[in-house]
Every structure is written in structure tokens, then in C-alpha cells.
Amino acid sequence: MGLNEITERMHKAEAAAGRETGATRLIAVSKKQPDDRVAAVLDQGHRIFGENRVQEAAGKWPGFRERYDGIDLHIIGPLQTNKARQAMELAQAIHSLDRPKLAQTLARLAQELGQCPELFVQVNTGEEPQKAGVLPAEIDGFVSECRALDLPVRGLMCIPPVDEAASLHFALLAKFAARNGLGGLSMGMSGDFEEAIALGATHVRVGSAIFGARPAPA
């Protein structure tokens, strides 16, 4: 499919929703993608990328930053507290703030480092036991706690259950964000980003539809 087609589809979805062209930022999810595919997307001028694992990001992006200006890196996978410093030094945004201990760690490191990436609180909208994220009933209190720690919470993020209509979860996330005065909505992936844009996504996370299927592990 490729970058140009995804961008075109995004613009059509924005127009259909009565939103400004470019209102939604495209995070190209480069996890486990070979360097040559990532370089090809960088060569097309795209600069916003997402990685799931801090370790993989640390092995990949410093080298790309030597060759390309303006890279905007987002950590979108679960973040362990012992990887928080590395994530904060590497990334411009973290989309998986999901528990008080991590919030406290990020706040302490922000004081030490004198800077903090933009933060999105991950919400477990489907209340799935196997999935990370703050439960809907706890979201208002958690956002307040993060603000009390002086953390730059930009918005909310969700990954809907695979067997439920994604749009219901996107609408729920938008409601939680509005209630808490948050402008950022990180929602929508390769299969449902147009629905997410219709419901106000500010960031969509698209991987295989841009890069192609990830190579099988050797």
C-alpha cells in the first residue's frame, strides 16, 4: 500500500469528517522492520515514527538521526520503569503511561533531565484483563494524579478489543479526553484509522500498511 496511499486516505477521511487536512498525525510504526524499509520512508520525507520496545528503538534511531533531521520518535508499547530514562532520552512522545508507579518515575526523571516527552495515558477501554491501561472508572483520578506530578499529559491512547467495533472504543476515548480537557487522541491502526479520524484522532499508528508485512524471525 505505502506511505502515499495511507496519507491520501487520511486526507479523505479528514475531509469527510469536516476536519482540516493534516489535523491527524501519522505515526509510521517501524517496530521489527528492516532498516532499508525505514530508510525508504525517511527518504520520502516522513519523520514521525513509532517503536514498541525501547531496546529496539535505541539500536535503530541514533544512527538514523545522524543521517536525517527532524525525526519525531514515539514509544507506543508497554514501558517498564527501568527503561523509562532511556525512553525519555530517545523519544519525543510516550503513548503508554498506564500506572502510578510509571507516572512517579517519569516525574522524577523529568526533574533530573530537565525535560519530558509528551505523554499519552493508555486507557484499557475494553477492560481486558490481559491488556495494559488505566480502567475507565479510574481515568479521571489518574489524569489528575499525573497533573499533580507536573507531567505533560497531552492526551489518551487506546487499543480496542479485536472482537468489538473499534468505533465504540474511539468514541469512548474521545469522551474521556474531552471530560479531562485533553486534546490528544492516539487511536486507530492499519485496519481502522479512517474510523478513528472520523471520531477525532490526532495521532494514528500505522505499520504494515506502510512498510509491508514484518519479516518472519530468522
C-alpha atoms as a PDB file:
ATOM      1  CA  MET A   1       0.000   0.000   0.000  1.00  0.00           C
ATOM      2  CA  GLY A   2       2.656   2.507   1.037  1.00  0.00           C
ATOM      3  CA  LEU A   3       3.014   5.921   2.619  1.00  0.00           C
ATOM      4  CA  ASN A   4       1.408   7.982  -0.165  1.00  0.00           C
ATOM      5  CA  GLU A   5      -1.760   5.901  -0.275  1.00  0.00           C
ATOM      6  CA  ILE A   6      -2.169   5.976   3.516  1.00  0.00           C
ATOM      7  CA  THR A   7      -1.677   9.754   3.543  1.00  0.00           C
ATOM      8  CA  GLU A   8      -4.251  10.154   0.764  1.00  0.00           C
ATOM      9  CA  ARG A   9      -6.774   8.007   2.628  1.00  0.00           C
ATOM     10  CA  MET A  10      -6.163  10.032   5.788  1.00  0.00           C
ATOM     11  CA  HIS A  11      -6.846  13.300   3.950  1.00  0.00           C
ATOM     12  CA  LYS A  12     -10.074  11.881   2.501  1.00  0.00           C
ATOM     13  CA  ALA A  13     -11.183  10.747   5.971  1.00  0.00           C
ATOM     14  CA  GLU A  14     -10.400  14.199   7.389  1.00  0.00           C
ATOM     15  CA  ALA A  15     -12.406  15.877   4.619  1.00  0.00           C
ATOM     16  CA  ALA A  16     -15.344  13.503   5.135  1.00  0.00           C
ATOM     17  CA  ALA A  17     -15.334  14.324   8.860  1.00  0.00           C
ATOM     18  CA  GLY A  18     -15.164  18.069   8.215  1.00  0.00           C
ATOM     19  CA  ARG A  19     -11.702  18.263   9.705  1.00  0.00           C
ATOM     20  CA  GLU A  20      -8.749  20.283   8.448  1.00  0.00           C
ATOM     21  CA  THR A  21      -6.325  18.470   6.145  1.00  0.00           C
ATOM     22  CA  GLY A  22      -3.338  17.343   8.209  1.00  0.00           C
ATOM     23  CA  ALA A  23      -5.204  17.534  11.529  1.00  0.00           C
ATOM     24  CA  THR A  24      -4.181  13.931  12.199  1.00  0.00           C
ATOM     25  CA  ARG A  25      -0.526  12.970  12.514  1.00  0.00           C
ATOM     26  CA  LEU A  26       0.614   9.682  11.027  1.00  0.00           C
ATOM     27  CA  ILE A  27       2.922   7.605  13.241  1.00  0.00           C
ATOM     28  CA  ALA A  28       4.699   5.106  10.994  1.00  0.00           C
ATOM     29  CA  VAL A  29       5.147   2.053  13.226  1.00  0.00           C
ATOM     30  CA  SER A  30       8.608   0.776  12.375  1.00  0.00           C
ATOM     31  CA  LYS A  31       8.962  -1.978  15.002  1.00  0.00           C
ATOM     32  CA  LYS A  32      10.740  -5.065  13.666  1.00  0.00           C
ATOM     33  CA  GLN A  33      11.016  -3.509  10.202  1.00  0.00           C
ATOM     34  CA  PRO A  34      14.343  -3.802   8.348  1.00  0.00           C
ATOM     35  CA  ASP A  35      16.419  -0.638   8.226  1.00  0.00           C
ATOM     36  CA  ASP A  36      16.177  -0.364   4.423  1.00  0.00           C
ATOM     37  CA  ARG A  37      12.373  -0.128   4.594  1.00  0.00           C
ATOM     38  CA  VAL A  38      12.567   2.527   7.315  1.00  0.00           C
ATOM     39  CA  ALA A  39      15.154   4.478   5.299  1.00  0.00           C
ATOM     40  CA  ALA A  40      12.874   4.346   2.240  1.00  0.00           C
ATOM     41  CA  VAL A  41      10.063   6.006   4.227  1.00  0.00           C
ATOM     42  CA  LEU A  42      12.501   8.586   5.632  1.00  0.00           C
ATOM     43  CA  ASP A  43      13.666   9.288   2.072  1.00  0.00           C
ATOM     44  CA  GLN A  44      10.046  10.099   1.170  1.00  0.00           C
ATOM     45  CA  GLY A  45      10.177  12.866   3.765  1.00  0.00           C
ATOM     46  CA  HIS A  46       8.209  11.231   6.576  1.00  0.00           C
ATOM     47  CA  ARG A  47       9.586  11.943  10.054  1.00  0.00           C
ATOM     48  CA  ILE A  48       7.118  10.604  12.675  1.00  0.00           C
ATOM     49  CA  PHE A  49       7.811   7.014  13.735  1.00  0.00           C
ATOM     50  CA  GLY A  50       6.665   4.660  16.461  1.00  0.00           C
ATOM     51  CA  GLU A  51       8.515   1.873  18.253  1.00  0.00           C
ATOM     52  CA  ASN A  52       7.153  -0.662  20.729  1.00  0.00           C
ATOM     53  CA  ARG A  53      10.351  -1.570  22.512  1.00  0.00           C
ATOM     54  CA  VAL A  54      12.883   0.895  23.910  1.00  0.00           C
ATOM     55  CA  GLN A  55      15.759  -1.525  23.302  1.00  0.00           C
ATOM     56  CA  GLU A  56      14.956  -1.804  19.593  1.00  0.00           C
ATOM     57  CA  ALA A  57      14.498   1.963  19.311  1.00  0.00           C
ATOM     58  CA  ALA A  58      17.875   2.567  20.973  1.00  0.00           C
ATOM     59  CA  GLY A  59      19.586   0.282  18.469  1.00  0.00           C
ATOM     60  CA  LYS A  60      17.963   1.899  15.442  1.00  0.00           C
ATOM     61  CA  TRP A  61      17.235   5.610  15.815  1.00  0.00           C
ATOM     62  CA  PRO A  62      20.509   7.234  16.910  1.00  0.00           C
ATOM     63  CA  GLY A  63      22.005   6.079  13.591  1.00  0.00           C
ATOM     64  CA  PHE A  64      19.067   7.373  11.569  1.00  0.00           C
ATOM     65  CA  ARG A  65      19.235  10.703  13.414  1.00  0.00           C
ATOM     66  CA  GLU A  66      22.817  11.143  12.213  1.00  0.00           C
ATOM     67  CA  ARG A  67      21.541  10.904   8.625  1.00  0.00           C
ATOM     68  CA  TYR A  68      18.113  12.575   8.830  1.00  0.00           C
ATOM     69  CA  ASP A  69      16.995  15.772  10.557  1.00  0.00           C
ATOM     70  CA  GLY A  70      13.760  16.287  12.456  1.00  0.00           C
ATOM     71  CA  ILE A  71      12.887  12.725  13.465  1.00  0.00           C
ATOM     72  CA  ASP A  72       9.940  12.628  15.874  1.00  0.00           C
ATOM     73  CA  LEU A  73      10.042   9.316  17.746  1.00  0.00           C
ATOM     74  CA  HIS A  74       7.087   7.917  19.699  1.00  0.00           C
ATOM     75  CA  ILE A  75       7.262   4.980  22.128  1.00  0.00           C
ATOM     76  CA  ILE A  76       3.920   3.211  21.712  1.00  0.00           C
ATOM     77  CA  GLY A  77       4.460  -0.108  23.514  1.00  0.00           C
ATOM     78  CA  PRO A  78       4.383  -1.046  27.202  1.00  0.00           C
ATOM     79  CA  LEU A  79       7.105   0.771  29.141  1.00  0.00           C
ATOM     80  CA  GLN A  80       8.949  -0.797  32.066  1.00  0.00           C
ATOM     81  CA  THR A  81      10.056   1.644  34.749  1.00  0.00           C
ATOM     82  CA  ASN A  82      13.686   0.501  34.383  1.00  0.00           C
ATOM     83  CA  LYS A  83      13.587   1.604  30.703  1.00  0.00           C
ATOM     84  CA  ALA A  84      11.939   4.959  31.435  1.00  0.00           C
ATOM     85  CA  ARG A  85      15.135   7.049  31.421  1.00  0.00           C
ATOM     86  CA  GLN A  86      16.250   5.606  28.094  1.00  0.00           C
ATOM     87  CA  ALA A  87      12.766   6.185  26.634  1.00  0.00           C
ATOM     88  CA  MET A  88      12.760   9.799  27.802  1.00  0.00           C
ATOM     89  CA  GLU A  89      16.190  10.453  26.307  1.00  0.00           C
ATOM     90  CA  LEU A  90      15.233   8.880  22.955  1.00  0.00           C
ATOM     91  CA  ALA A  91      11.620   9.832  22.339  1.00  0.00           C
ATOM     92  CA  GLN A  92       9.538  12.953  21.806  1.00  0.00           C
ATOM     93  CA  ALA A  93       6.361  11.192  22.990  1.00  0.00           C
ATOM     94  CA  ILE A  94       5.341   8.177  25.092  1.00  0.00           C
ATOM     95  CA  HIS A  95       1.882   6.711  24.445  1.00  0.00           C
ATOM     96  CA  SER A  96       1.773   4.073  27.182  1.00  0.00           C
ATOM     97  CA  LEU A  97       1.593   5.843  30.546  1.00  0.00           C
ATOM     98  CA  ASP A  98      -0.588   3.317  32.345  1.00  0.00           C
ATOM     99  CA  ARG A  99       0.096   3.177  36.100  1.00  0.00           C
ATOM    100  CA  PRO A 100       1.013   5.360  39.090  1.00  0.00           C
ATOM    101  CA  LYS A 101       4.499   3.864  39.542  1.00  0.00           C
ATOM    102  CA  LEU A 102       5.441   4.778  35.978  1.00  0.00           C
ATOM    103  CA  ALA A 103       3.997   8.278  36.414  1.00  0.00           C
ATOM    104  CA  GLN A 104       6.102   8.796  39.545  1.00  0.00           C
ATOM    105  CA  THR A 105       9.229   7.511  37.788  1.00  0.00           C
ATOM    106  CA  LEU A 106       8.690   9.806  34.785  1.00  0.00           C
ATOM    107  CA  ALA A 107       8.098  12.787  37.093  1.00  0.00           C
ATOM    108  CA  ARG A 108      11.321  12.131  39.000  1.00  0.00           C
ATOM    109  CA  LEU A 109      13.325  11.698  35.776  1.00  0.00           C
ATOM    110  CA  ALA A 110      11.764  14.837  34.263  1.00  0.00           C
ATOM    111  CA  GLN A 111      13.153  16.812  37.207  1.00  0.00           C
ATOM    112  CA  GLU A 112      16.577  15.225  36.756  1.00  0.00           C
ATOM    113  CA  LEU A 113      16.710  15.613  32.980  1.00  0.00           C
ATOM    114  CA  GLY A 114      15.008  18.992  32.811  1.00  0.00           C
ATOM    115  CA  GLN A 115      12.677  17.801  30.058  1.00  0.00           C
ATOM    116  CA  CYS A 116       9.905  15.280  29.425  1.00  0.00           C
ATOM    117  CA  PRO A 117       8.361  13.843  26.270  1.00  0.00           C
ATOM    118  CA  GLU A 118       4.673  14.453  25.554  1.00  0.00           C
ATOM    119  CA  LEU A 119       2.644  11.810  27.371  1.00  0.00           C
ATOM    120  CA  PHE A 120      -0.484   9.891  26.450  1.00  0.00           C
ATOM    121  CA  VAL A 121      -2.322   7.892  29.097  1.00  0.00           C
ATOM    122  CA  GLN A 122      -3.179   4.399  27.844  1.00  0.00           C
ATOM    123  CA  VAL A 123      -6.788   3.512  28.612  1.00  0.00           C
ATOM    124  CA  ASN A 124      -7.994  -0.092  28.680  1.00  0.00           C
ATOM    125  CA  THR A 125     -11.371   0.823  27.164  1.00  0.00           C
ATOM    126  CA  GLY A 126     -12.413  -2.823  26.815  1.00  0.00           C
ATOM    127  CA  GLU A 127     -11.413  -3.639  30.413  1.00  0.00           C
ATOM    128  CA  GLU A 128      -9.475  -6.649  29.084  1.00  0.00           C
ATOM    129  CA  PRO A 129      -7.557  -8.436  31.855  1.00  0.00           C
ATOM    130  CA  GLN A 130      -4.603  -9.290  29.603  1.00  0.00           C
ATOM    131  CA  LYS A 131      -4.139  -5.721  28.359  1.00  0.00           C
ATOM    132  CA  ALA A 132      -2.291  -2.784  29.918  1.00  0.00           C
ATOM    133  CA  GLY A 133      -4.001   0.521  30.519  1.00  0.00           C
ATOM    134  CA  VAL A 134      -5.936   2.512  33.079  1.00  0.00           C
ATOM    135  CA  LEU A 135      -9.506   1.290  33.573  1.00  0.00           C
ATOM    136  CA  PRO A 136     -12.281   3.680  32.508  1.00  0.00           C
ATOM    137  CA  ALA A 137     -13.513   4.169  36.080  1.00  0.00           C
ATOM    138  CA  GLU A 138     -10.023   5.298  37.144  1.00  0.00           C
ATOM    139  CA  ILE A 139      -9.088   7.581  34.265  1.00  0.00           C
ATOM    140  CA  ASP A 140     -10.166  10.927  35.767  1.00  0.00           C
ATOM    141  CA  GLY A 141      -8.300  10.284  39.015  1.00  0.00           C
ATOM    142  CA  PHE A 142      -5.177   9.095  37.203  1.00  0.00           C
ATOM    143  CA  VAL A 143      -5.062  12.142  34.913  1.00  0.00           C
ATOM    144  CA  SER A 144      -5.393  14.377  37.998  1.00  0.00           C
ATOM    145  CA  GLU A 145      -2.554  12.476  39.688  1.00  0.00           C
ATOM    146  CA  CYS A 146      -0.319  12.943  36.630  1.00  0.00           C
ATOM    147  CA  ARG A 147      -1.088  16.659  36.514  1.00  0.00           C
ATOM    148  CA  ALA A 148      -0.272  16.970  40.210  1.00  0.00           C
ATOM    149  CA  LEU A 149       3.145  15.487  39.352  1.00  0.00           C
ATOM    150  CA  ASP A 150       3.530  18.237  36.710  1.00  0.00           C
ATOM    151  CA  LEU A 151       3.661  15.708  33.873  1.00  0.00           C
ATOM    152  CA  PRO A 152       2.883  16.978  30.341  1.00  0.00           C
ATOM    153  CA  VAL A 153      -0.159  14.794  29.630  1.00  0.00           C
ATOM    154  CA  ARG A 154      -1.147  15.563  26.036  1.00  0.00           C
ATOM    155  CA  GLY A 155      -3.927  13.027  25.571  1.00  0.00           C
ATOM    156  CA  LEU A 156      -5.209   9.470  25.764  1.00  0.00           C
ATOM    157  CA  MET A 157      -4.423   6.295  23.835  1.00  0.00           C
ATOM    158  CA  CYS A 158      -6.342   3.049  23.347  1.00  0.00           C
ATOM    159  CA  ILE A 159      -6.142  -0.290  21.536  1.00  0.00           C
ATOM    160  CA  PRO A 160      -9.709  -1.601  21.113  1.00  0.00           C
ATOM    161  CA  PRO A 161     -10.531  -5.294  21.652  1.00  0.00           C
ATOM    162  CA  VAL A 162     -10.152  -7.234  18.391  1.00  0.00           C
ATOM    163  CA  ASP A 163     -13.663  -8.685  18.562  1.00  0.00           C
ATOM    164  CA  GLU A 164     -15.574  -5.442  19.160  1.00  0.00           C
ATOM    165  CA  ALA A 165     -16.432  -2.442  16.965  1.00  0.00           C
ATOM    166  CA  ALA A 166     -13.408  -0.143  17.194  1.00  0.00           C
ATOM    167  CA  SER A 167     -15.559   2.964  16.714  1.00  0.00           C
ATOM    168  CA  LEU A 168     -17.316   2.415  20.054  1.00  0.00           C
ATOM    169  CA  HIS A 169     -13.957   2.482  21.826  1.00  0.00           C
ATOM    170  CA  PHE A 170     -12.751   5.512  19.861  1.00  0.00           C
ATOM    171  CA  ALA A 171     -15.912   7.413  20.813  1.00  0.00           C
ATOM    172  CA  LEU A 172     -15.438   6.418  24.458  1.00  0.00           C
ATOM    173  CA  LEU A 173     -11.811   7.596  24.446  1.00  0.00           C
ATOM    174  CA  ALA A 174     -12.864  10.927  22.901  1.00  0.00           C
ATOM    175  CA  LYS A 175     -15.456  11.362  25.658  1.00  0.00           C
ATOM    176  CA  PHE A 176     -12.873  10.684  28.399  1.00  0.00           C
ATOM    177  CA  ALA A 177     -10.411  13.112  26.781  1.00  0.00           C
ATOM    178  CA  ALA A 178     -12.983  15.900  26.482  1.00  0.00           C
ATOM    179  CA  ARG A 179     -14.063  15.410  30.087  1.00  0.00           C
ATOM    180  CA  ASN A 180     -10.471  15.855  31.223  1.00  0.00           C
ATOM    181  CA  GLY A 181      -9.643  18.777  28.929  1.00  0.00           C
ATOM    182  CA  LEU A 182      -7.171  16.759  26.846  1.00  0.00           C
ATOM    183  CA  GLY A 183      -6.722  17.474  23.138  1.00  0.00           C
ATOM    184  CA  GLY A 184      -4.712  14.413  22.069  1.00  0.00           C
ATOM    185  CA  LEU A 185      -6.286  11.158  20.890  1.00  0.00           C
ATOM    186  CA  SER A 186      -3.865   8.403  19.878  1.00  0.00           C
ATOM    187  CA  MET A 187      -6.158   5.808  18.306  1.00  0.00           C
ATOM    188  CA  GLY A 188      -6.538   3.890  15.076  1.00  0.00           C
ATOM    189  CA  MET A 189      -4.216   1.438  13.337  1.00  0.00           C
ATOM    190  CA  SER A 190      -3.860  -0.037   9.828  1.00  0.00           C
ATOM    191  CA  GLY A 191      -7.346  -1.590   9.790  1.00  0.00           C
ATOM    192  CA  ASP A 192      -9.396   1.185  11.358  1.00  0.00           C
ATOM    193  CA  PHE A 193      -7.576   4.525  11.140  1.00  0.00           C
ATOM    194  CA  GLU A 194     -10.304   6.113   8.993  1.00  0.00           C
ATOM    195  CA  GLU A 195     -12.908   5.406  11.685  1.00  0.00           C
ATOM    196  CA  ALA A 196     -10.523   6.879  14.268  1.00  0.00           C
ATOM    197  CA  ILE A 197     -10.077  10.060  12.202  1.00  0.00           C
ATOM    198  CA  ALA A 198     -13.870  10.407  11.905  1.00  0.00           C
ATOM    199  CA  LEU A 199     -14.037  10.341  15.710  1.00  0.00           C
ATOM    200  CA  GLY A 200     -11.292  12.905  16.288  1.00  0.00           C
ATOM    201  CA  ALA A 201      -7.942  11.041  16.315  1.00  0.00           C
ATOM    202  CA  THR A 202      -4.967  13.385  16.466  1.00  0.00           C
ATOM    203  CA  HIS A 203      -2.472  10.518  16.010  1.00  0.00           C
ATOM    204  CA  VAL A 204      -2.939   7.230  14.138  1.00  0.00           C
ATOM    205  CA  ARG A 205      -0.447   4.359  14.378  1.00  0.00           C
ATOM    206  CA  VAL A 206       0.055   2.543  11.066  1.00  0.00           C
ATOM    207  CA  GLY A 207       2.729  -0.067  10.409  1.00  0.00           C
ATOM    208  CA  SER A 208       2.263  -2.918   7.946  1.00  0.00           C
ATOM    209  CA  ALA A 209       0.104  -0.842   5.571  1.00  0.00           C
ATOM    210  CA  ILE A 210       3.098   1.481   5.101  1.00  0.00           C
ATOM    211  CA  PHE A 211       6.077  -0.867   5.313  1.00  0.00           C
ATOM    212  CA  GLY A 212       4.566  -4.218   4.297  1.00  0.00           C
ATOM    213  CA  ALA A 213       4.320  -7.313   6.485  1.00  0.00           C
ATOM    214  CA  ARG A 214       7.099  -7.687   9.017  1.00  0.00           C
ATOM    215  CA  PRO A 215       9.668 -10.290   8.016  1.00  0.00           C
ATOM    216  CA  ALA A 216       9.365 -13.599   9.849  1.00  0.00           C
ATOM    217  CA  PRO A 217      12.015 -14.044  12.582  1.00  0.00           C
ATOM    218  CA  ALA A 218      15.092 -15.834  11.300  1.00  0.00           C
END
